[in-house]
C-alpha atoms as a PDB file:
ATOM      1  CA  UNK A   1       0.009   0.045   0.019  1.00  0.00           C
ATOM      2  CA  UNK A   2       1.251   3.486  -0.780  1.00  0.00           C
ATOM      3  CA  UNK A   3       0.242   5.292   2.443  1.00  0.00           C
ATOM      4  CA  UNK A   4      -0.169   2.778   5.338  1.00  0.00           C
ATOM      5  CA  UNK A   5      -0.648   4.201   8.822  1.00  0.00           C
ATOM      6  CA  UNK A   6      -2.952   6.629  10.674  1.00  0.00           C
ATOM      7  CA  UNK A   7      -5.254   9.197   9.081  1.00  0.00           C
ATOM      8  CA  UNK A   8      -8.078  11.356  10.128  1.00  0.00           C
ATOM      9  CA  UNK A   9     -11.544  11.704   8.408  1.00  0.00           C
ATOM     10  CA  UNK A  10     -12.446  14.731  10.448  1.00  0.00           C
ATOM     11  CA  UNK A  11     -13.708  16.444  13.620  1.00  0.00           C
ATOM     12  CA  UNK A  12     -17.371  17.461  13.106  1.00  0.00           C
ATOM     13  CA  UNK A  13     -19.001  20.017  15.449  1.00  0.00           C
ATOM     14  CA  UNK A  14     -22.658  19.065  16.038  1.00  0.00           C
ATOM     15  CA  UNK A  15     -25.222  21.628  16.733  1.00  0.00           C
ATOM     16  CA  UNK A  16     -28.351  22.168  14.553  1.00  0.00           C
ATOM     17  CA  UNK A  17     -29.571  19.192  12.426  1.00  0.00           C
ATOM     18  CA  UNK A  18     -27.649  18.798   9.250  1.00  0.00           C
ATOM     19  CA  UNK A  19     -25.135  16.929   7.160  1.00  0.00           C
ATOM     20  CA  UNK A  20     -21.307  17.380   7.182  1.00  0.00           C
ATOM     21  CA  UNK A  21     -18.582  15.409   5.366  1.00  0.00           C
ATOM     22  CA  UNK A  22     -14.797  15.228   5.212  1.00  0.00           C
ATOM     23  CA  UNK A  23     -13.393  18.057   3.301  1.00  0.00           C
ATOM     24  CA  UNK A  24     -11.961  17.136  -0.048  1.00  0.00           C
ATOM     25  CA  UNK A  25      -8.586  18.471   0.851  1.00  0.00           C
ATOM     26  CA  UNK A  26      -8.364  16.091   3.880  1.00  0.00           C
ATOM     27  CA  UNK A  27      -9.115  12.831   2.235  1.00  0.00           C
ATOM     28  CA  UNK A  28      -5.940  10.715   2.290  1.00  0.00           C
ATOM     29  CA  UNK A  29      -4.752   8.766  -0.775  1.00  0.00           C
ATOM     30  CA  UNK A  30      -5.114   5.080   0.319  1.00  0.00           C
ATOM     31  CA  UNK A  31      -4.045   3.419  -2.935  1.00  0.00           C
ATOM     32  CA  UNK A  32      -3.472  -0.319  -2.307  1.00  0.00           C
ATOM     33  CA  UNK A  33      -5.375  -0.343   0.934  1.00  0.00           C
ATOM     34  CA  UNK A  34      -6.498  -3.849   1.865  1.00  0.00           C
ATOM     35  CA  UNK A  35      -8.191  -2.903   5.070  1.00  0.00           C
ATOM     36  CA  UNK A  36      -8.688  -0.154   7.690  1.00  0.00           C
ATOM     37  CA  UNK A  37      -9.543   0.002  11.366  1.00  0.00           C
ATOM     38  CA  UNK A  38     -11.616   3.055  12.359  1.00  0.00           C
ATOM     39  CA  UNK A  39     -12.578   4.794  15.640  1.00  0.00           C
ATOM     40  CA  UNK A  40     -15.708   6.924  15.772  1.00  0.00           C
ATOM     41  CA  UNK A  41     -16.084   9.016  18.921  1.00  0.00           C
ATOM     42  CA  UNK A  42     -18.964  11.118  20.136  1.00  0.00           C
ATOM     43  CA  UNK A  43     -18.056  13.754  22.771  1.00  0.00           C
ATOM     44  CA  UNK A  44     -20.631  15.824  24.590  1.00  0.00           C
ATOM     45  CA  UNK A  45     -23.839  14.741  23.055  1.00  0.00           C
ATOM     46  CA  UNK A  46     -26.546  16.483  25.200  1.00  0.00           C
ATOM     47  CA  UNK A  47     -29.877  17.068  23.620  1.00  0.00           C
ATOM     48  CA  UNK A  48     -30.394  16.084  20.024  1.00  0.00           C
ATOM     49  CA  UNK A  49     -31.902  12.881  18.719  1.00  0.00           C
ATOM     50  CA  UNK A  50     -29.607  10.761  16.430  1.00  0.00           C
ATOM     51  CA  UNK A  51     -26.109  10.983  14.703  1.00  0.00           C
ATOM     52  CA  UNK A  52     -25.324   8.664  11.817  1.00  0.00           C
ATOM     53  CA  UNK A  53     -21.733   8.544  10.787  1.00  0.00           C
ATOM     54  CA  UNK A  54     -21.424   6.847   7.336  1.00  0.00           C
ATOM     55  CA  UNK A  55     -17.935   5.758   6.254  1.00  0.00           C
ATOM     56  CA  UNK A  56     -17.775   5.827   2.417  1.00  0.00           C
ATOM     57  CA  UNK A  57     -15.161   4.878  -0.295  1.00  0.00           C
ATOM     58  CA  UNK A  58     -14.797   5.873  -3.900  1.00  0.00           C
ATOM     59  CA  UNK A  59     -13.481   3.601  -6.680  1.00  0.00           C
ATOM     60  CA  UNK A  60     -13.615   6.388  -9.262  1.00  0.00           C
ATOM     61  CA  UNK A  61     -11.212   8.853  -7.515  1.00  0.00           C
ATOM     62  CA  UNK A  62     -14.054  10.686  -5.754  1.00  0.00           C
ATOM     63  CA  UNK A  63     -16.495  11.207  -8.537  1.00  0.00           C
ATOM     64  CA  UNK A  64     -19.089   8.971  -6.707  1.00  0.00           C
ATOM     65  CA  UNK A  65     -19.165   7.497  -3.189  1.00  0.00           C
ATOM     66  CA  UNK A  66     -20.849   4.546  -1.638  1.00  0.00           C
ATOM     67  CA  UNK A  67     -21.319   3.465   2.063  1.00  0.00           C
ATOM     68  CA  UNK A  68     -19.114   0.808   3.584  1.00  0.00           C
ATOM     69  CA  UNK A  69     -20.184   1.393   7.236  1.00  0.00           C
ATOM     70  CA  UNK A  70     -22.819   3.257   9.286  1.00  0.00           C
ATOM     71  CA  UNK A  71     -22.168   3.968  13.049  1.00  0.00           C
ATOM     72  CA  UNK A  72     -24.922   5.581  15.029  1.00  0.00           C
ATOM     73  CA  UNK A  73     -25.230   7.500  18.316  1.00  0.00           C
ATOM     74  CA  UNK A  74     -28.204   9.090  20.144  1.00  0.00           C
ATOM     75  CA  UNK A  75     -27.435  11.438  23.051  1.00  0.00           C
ATOM     76  CA  UNK A  76     -24.813   9.458  25.175  1.00  0.00           C
ATOM     77  CA  UNK A  77     -21.148  10.054  24.374  1.00  0.00           C
ATOM     78  CA  UNK A  78     -19.188   6.976  23.417  1.00  0.00           C
ATOM     79  CA  UNK A  79     -16.711   5.303  21.066  1.00  0.00           C
ATOM     80  CA  UNK A  80     -17.316   2.606  18.480  1.00  0.00           C
ATOM     81  CA  UNK A  81     -14.649   0.870  16.490  1.00  0.00           C
ATOM     82  CA  UNK A  82     -14.867  -1.097  13.371  1.00  0.00           C
ATOM     83  CA  UNK A  83     -12.681  -3.035  10.829  1.00  0.00           C
ATOM     84  CA  UNK A  84     -13.003  -2.743   7.143  1.00  0.00           C
ATOM     85  CA  UNK A  85     -11.661  -5.529   4.839  1.00  0.00           C
ATOM     86  CA  UNK A  86     -11.097  -5.307   1.188  1.00  0.00           C
ATOM     87  CA  UNK A  87     -10.864  -8.967   0.893  1.00  0.00           C
ATOM     88  CA  UNK A  88     -14.074 -10.504   2.012  1.00  0.00           C
ATOM     89  CA  UNK A  89     -16.856 -10.013  -0.643  1.00  0.00           C
ATOM     90  CA  UNK A  90     -17.262 -12.842  -3.171  1.00  0.00           C
ATOM     91  CA  UNK A  91     -20.459 -11.630  -4.681  1.00  0.00           C
ATOM     92  CA  UNK A  92     -21.517  -8.339  -6.356  1.00  0.00           C
ATOM     93  CA  UNK A  93     -23.455  -5.694  -4.244  1.00  0.00           C
ATOM     94  CA  UNK A  94     -25.383  -2.719  -5.286  1.00  0.00           C
ATOM     95  CA  UNK A  95     -23.695   0.433  -3.892  1.00  0.00           C
ATOM     96  CA  UNK A  96     -25.668   2.872  -1.809  1.00  0.00           C
ATOM     97  CA  UNK A  97     -25.198   6.523  -0.927  1.00  0.00           C
ATOM     98  CA  UNK A  98     -26.208   7.219   2.677  1.00  0.00           C
ATOM     99  CA  UNK A  99     -28.608   4.233   2.747  1.00  0.00           C
ATOM    100  CA  UNK A 100     -26.732   1.590   4.770  1.00  0.00           C
ATOM    101  CA  UNK A 101     -28.481   0.384   7.861  1.00  0.00           C
ATOM    102  CA  UNK A 102     -27.172   1.582  11.225  1.00  0.00           C
ATOM    103  CA  UNK A 103     -24.575  -0.914  12.666  1.00  0.00           C
ATOM    104  CA  UNK A 104     -23.780  -2.401   9.317  1.00  0.00           C
ATOM    105  CA  UNK A 105     -20.392  -3.004   7.667  1.00  0.00           C
ATOM    106  CA  UNK A 106     -20.026  -3.686   3.981  1.00  0.00           C
ATOM    107  CA  UNK A 107     -16.736  -5.619   3.689  1.00  0.00           C
ATOM    108  CA  UNK A 108     -15.259  -6.175   0.307  1.00  0.00           C
ATOM    109  CA  UNK A 109     -15.030  -3.058  -1.992  1.00  0.00           C
ATOM    110  CA  UNK A 110     -12.413  -0.426  -0.864  1.00  0.00           C
ATOM    111  CA  UNK A 111     -11.261   2.325  -3.228  1.00  0.00           C
ATOM    112  CA  UNK A 112      -8.302   4.570  -2.951  1.00  0.00           C
ATOM    113  CA  UNK A 113      -9.893   7.040  -0.515  1.00  0.00           C
ATOM    114  CA  UNK A 114     -12.345   7.206   2.479  1.00  0.00           C
ATOM    115  CA  UNK A 115     -14.548   9.979   3.762  1.00  0.00           C
ATOM    116  CA  UNK A 116     -16.962  10.322   6.626  1.00  0.00           C
ATOM    117  CA  UNK A 117     -20.479  11.837   6.298  1.00  0.00           C
ATOM    118  CA  UNK A 118     -22.247  12.792   9.507  1.00  0.00           C
ATOM    119  CA  UNK A 119     -25.927  13.332   9.576  1.00  0.00           C
ATOM    120  CA  UNK A 120     -27.474  14.688  12.805  1.00  0.00           C
ATOM    121  CA  UNK A 121     -31.147  15.162  13.774  1.00  0.00           C
ATOM    122  CA  UNK A 122     -32.329  17.284  16.616  1.00  0.00           C
ATOM    123  CA  UNK A 123     -30.260  20.136  18.246  1.00  0.00           C
ATOM    124  CA  UNK A 124     -27.182  19.121  20.212  1.00  0.00           C
ATOM    125  CA  UNK A 125     -25.661  21.332  22.945  1.00  0.00           C
ATOM    126  CA  UNK A 126     -22.461  23.162  22.566  1.00  0.00           C
ATOM    127  CA  UNK A 127     -19.406  21.138  22.604  1.00  0.00           C
ATOM    128  CA  UNK A 128     -20.895  18.133  20.887  1.00  0.00           C
ATOM    129  CA  UNK A 129     -18.067  16.670  18.555  1.00  0.00           C
ATOM    130  CA  UNK A 130     -17.771  13.603  16.341  1.00  0.00           C
ATOM    131  CA  UNK A 131     -14.271  12.561  15.569  1.00  0.00           C
ATOM    132  CA  UNK A 132     -13.266   9.912  12.996  1.00  0.00           C
ATOM    133  CA  UNK A 133      -9.766   8.419  13.033  1.00  0.00           C
ATOM    134  CA  UNK A 134      -8.307   5.412  11.263  1.00  0.00           C
ATOM    135  CA  UNK A 135      -5.283   3.268  10.466  1.00  0.00           C
ATOM    136  CA  UNK A 136      -4.863   1.861   6.914  1.00  0.00           C
ATOM    137  CA  UNK A 137      -3.013  -1.277   6.075  1.00  0.00           C
END
Protein backbone atom coordinates (compact mmCIF):
# COMPACT_ATOMS: atom_id res chain seq x y z
CA UNK A 1 0.00 0.00 0.00
CA UNK A 2 1.24 3.49 -0.80
CA UNK A 3 0.27 5.26 2.44
CA UNK A 4 -0.17 2.82 5.33
CA UNK A 5 -0.65 4.22 8.81
CA UNK A 6 -2.90 6.63 10.67
CA UNK A 7 -5.27 9.13 9.10
CA UNK A 8 -8.16 11.37 10.14
CA UNK A 9 -11.50 11.74 8.41
CA UNK A 10 -12.43 14.77 10.47
CA UNK A 11 -13.72 16.42 13.60
CA UNK A 12 -17.33 17.49 13.18
CA UNK A 13 -18.98 20.05 15.49
CA UNK A 14 -22.61 19.04 15.97
CA UNK A 15 -25.25 21.67 16.77
CA UNK A 16 -28.29 22.15 14.59
CA UNK A 17 -29.57 19.24 12.47
CA UNK A 18 -27.63 18.80 9.26
CA UNK A 19 -25.10 16.96 7.13
CA UNK A 20 -21.32 17.38 7.16
CA UNK A 21 -18.60 15.49 5.32
CA UNK A 22 -14.86 15.14 5.27
CA UNK A 23 -13.38 18.10 3.37
CA UNK A 24 -12.02 17.03 -0.04
CA UNK A 25 -8.61 18.48 0.87
CA UNK A 26 -8.40 16.15 3.88
CA UNK A 27 -9.18 12.80 2.21
CA UNK A 28 -6.00 10.71 2.23
CA UNK A 29 -4.74 8.74 -0.73
CA UNK A 30 -5.07 5.13 0.36
CA UNK A 31 -4.04 3.43 -2.90
CA UNK A 32 -3.45 -0.28 -2.30
CA UNK A 33 -5.36 -0.36 1.01
CA UNK A 34 -6.58 -3.86 1.85
CA UNK A 35 -8.14 -2.90 5.16
CA UNK A 36 -8.66 -0.15 7.71
CA UNK A 37 -9.51 0.05 11.39
CA UNK A 38 -11.62 3.05 12.38
CA UNK A 39 -12.60 4.74 15.63
CA UNK A 40 -15.70 6.95 15.74
CA UNK A 41 -16.06 9.04 18.91
CA UNK A 42 -18.97 11.17 20.13
CA UNK A 43 -18.02 13.71 22.79
CA UNK A 44 -20.60 15.85 24.58
CA UNK A 45 -23.86 14.70 23.06
CA UNK A 46 -26.48 16.52 25.17
CA UNK A 47 -29.89 17.08 23.61
CA UNK A 48 -30.39 16.06 20.01
CA UNK A 49 -31.86 12.87 18.67
CA UNK A 50 -29.57 10.75 16.43
CA UNK A 51 -26.21 10.97 14.73
CA UNK A 52 -25.35 8.62 11.88
CA UNK A 53 -21.74 8.47 10.74
CA UNK A 54 -21.42 6.93 7.28
CA UNK A 55 -17.98 5.79 6.19
CA UNK A 56 -17.76 5.88 2.42
CA UNK A 57 -15.25 4.89 -0.24
CA UNK A 58 -14.79 5.81 -3.89
CA UNK A 59 -13.48 3.61 -6.67
CA UNK A 60 -13.58 6.38 -9.30
CA UNK A 61 -11.24 8.83 -7.53
CA UNK A 62 -13.99 10.74 -5.74
CA UNK A 63 -16.49 11.16 -8.58
CA UNK A 64 -19.02 9.03 -6.70
CA UNK A 65 -19.14 7.60 -3.18
CA UNK A 66 -20.81 4.59 -1.57
CA UNK A 67 -21.31 3.42 2.01
CA UNK A 68 -19.08 0.80 3.61
CA UNK A 69 -20.18 1.37 7.23
CA UNK A 70 -22.78 3.21 9.32
CA UNK A 71 -22.21 3.93 13.01
CA UNK A 72 -24.95 5.64 15.02
CA UNK A 73 -25.20 7.48 18.32
CA UNK A 74 -28.08 9.06 20.21
CA UNK A 75 -27.40 11.41 23.11
CA UNK A 76 -24.81 9.43 25.06
CA UNK A 77 -21.11 10.07 24.43
CA UNK A 78 -19.20 6.99 23.40
CA UNK A 79 -16.72 5.29 21.11
CA UNK A 80 -17.30 2.65 18.46
CA UNK A 81 -14.56 0.85 16.56
CA UNK A 82 -14.82 -1.11 13.34
CA UNK A 83 -12.67 -2.95 10.88
CA UNK A 84 -13.06 -2.77 7.10
CA UNK A 85 -11.64 -5.53 4.95
CA UNK A 86 -11.16 -5.26 1.21
CA UNK A 87 -10.74 -9.01 0.89
CA UNK A 88 -14.09 -10.50 1.96
CA UNK A 89 -16.85 -10.01 -0.65
CA UNK A 90 -17.25 -12.83 -3.16
CA UNK A 91 -20.55 -11.68 -4.68
CA UNK A 92 -21.50 -8.36 -6.34
CA UNK A 93 -23.36 -5.79 -4.26
CA UNK A 94 -25.37 -2.74 -5.26
CA UNK A 95 -23.69 0.37 -3.81
CA UNK A 96 -25.74 2.86 -1.82
CA UNK A 97 -25.14 6.48 -0.89
CA UNK A 98 -26.23 7.25 2.72
CA UNK A 99 -28.57 4.24 2.75
CA UNK A 100 -26.64 1.58 4.72
CA UNK A 101 -28.51 0.49 7.86
CA UNK A 102 -27.17 1.58 11.24
CA UNK A 103 -24.65 -0.84 12.71
CA UNK A 104 -23.80 -2.35 9.32
CA UNK A 105 -20.40 -2.89 7.70
CA UNK A 106 -20.06 -3.75 4.00
CA UNK A 107 -16.75 -5.57 3.69
CA UNK A 108 -15.23 -6.10 0.28
CA UNK A 109 -15.02 -3.05 -1.95
CA UNK A 110 -12.44 -0.46 -0.85
CA UNK A 111 -11.32 2.31 -3.17
CA UNK A 112 -8.31 4.60 -2.95
CA UNK A 113 -9.93 7.02 -0.49
CA UNK A 114 -12.37 7.19 2.42
CA UNK A 115 -14.61 9.93 3.77
CA UNK A 116 -17.02 10.36 6.66
CA UNK A 117 -20.50 11.83 6.25
CA UNK A 118 -22.19 12.83 9.52
CA UNK A 119 -25.96 13.31 9.58
CA UNK A 120 -27.48 14.69 12.78
CA UNK A 121 -31.11 15.15 13.73
CA UNK A 122 -32.28 17.28 16.61
CA UNK A 123 -30.30 20.10 18.16
CA UNK A 124 -27.24 19.14 20.22
CA UNK A 125 -25.65 21.24 22.95
CA UNK A 126 -22.44 23.22 22.60
CA UNK A 127 -19.31 21.09 22.66
CA UNK A 128 -20.83 18.09 20.86
CA UNK A 129 -18.16 16.65 18.60
CA UNK A 130 -17.82 13.60 16.36
CA UNK A 131 -14.24 12.54 15.55
CA UNK A 132 -13.28 9.87 13.02
CA UNK A 133 -9.76 8.39 13.02
CA UNK A 134 -8.30 5.38 11.28
CA UNK A 135 -5.30 3.26 10.48
CA UNK A 136 -4.88 1.89 6.95
CA UNK A 137 -3.07 -1.30 6.05
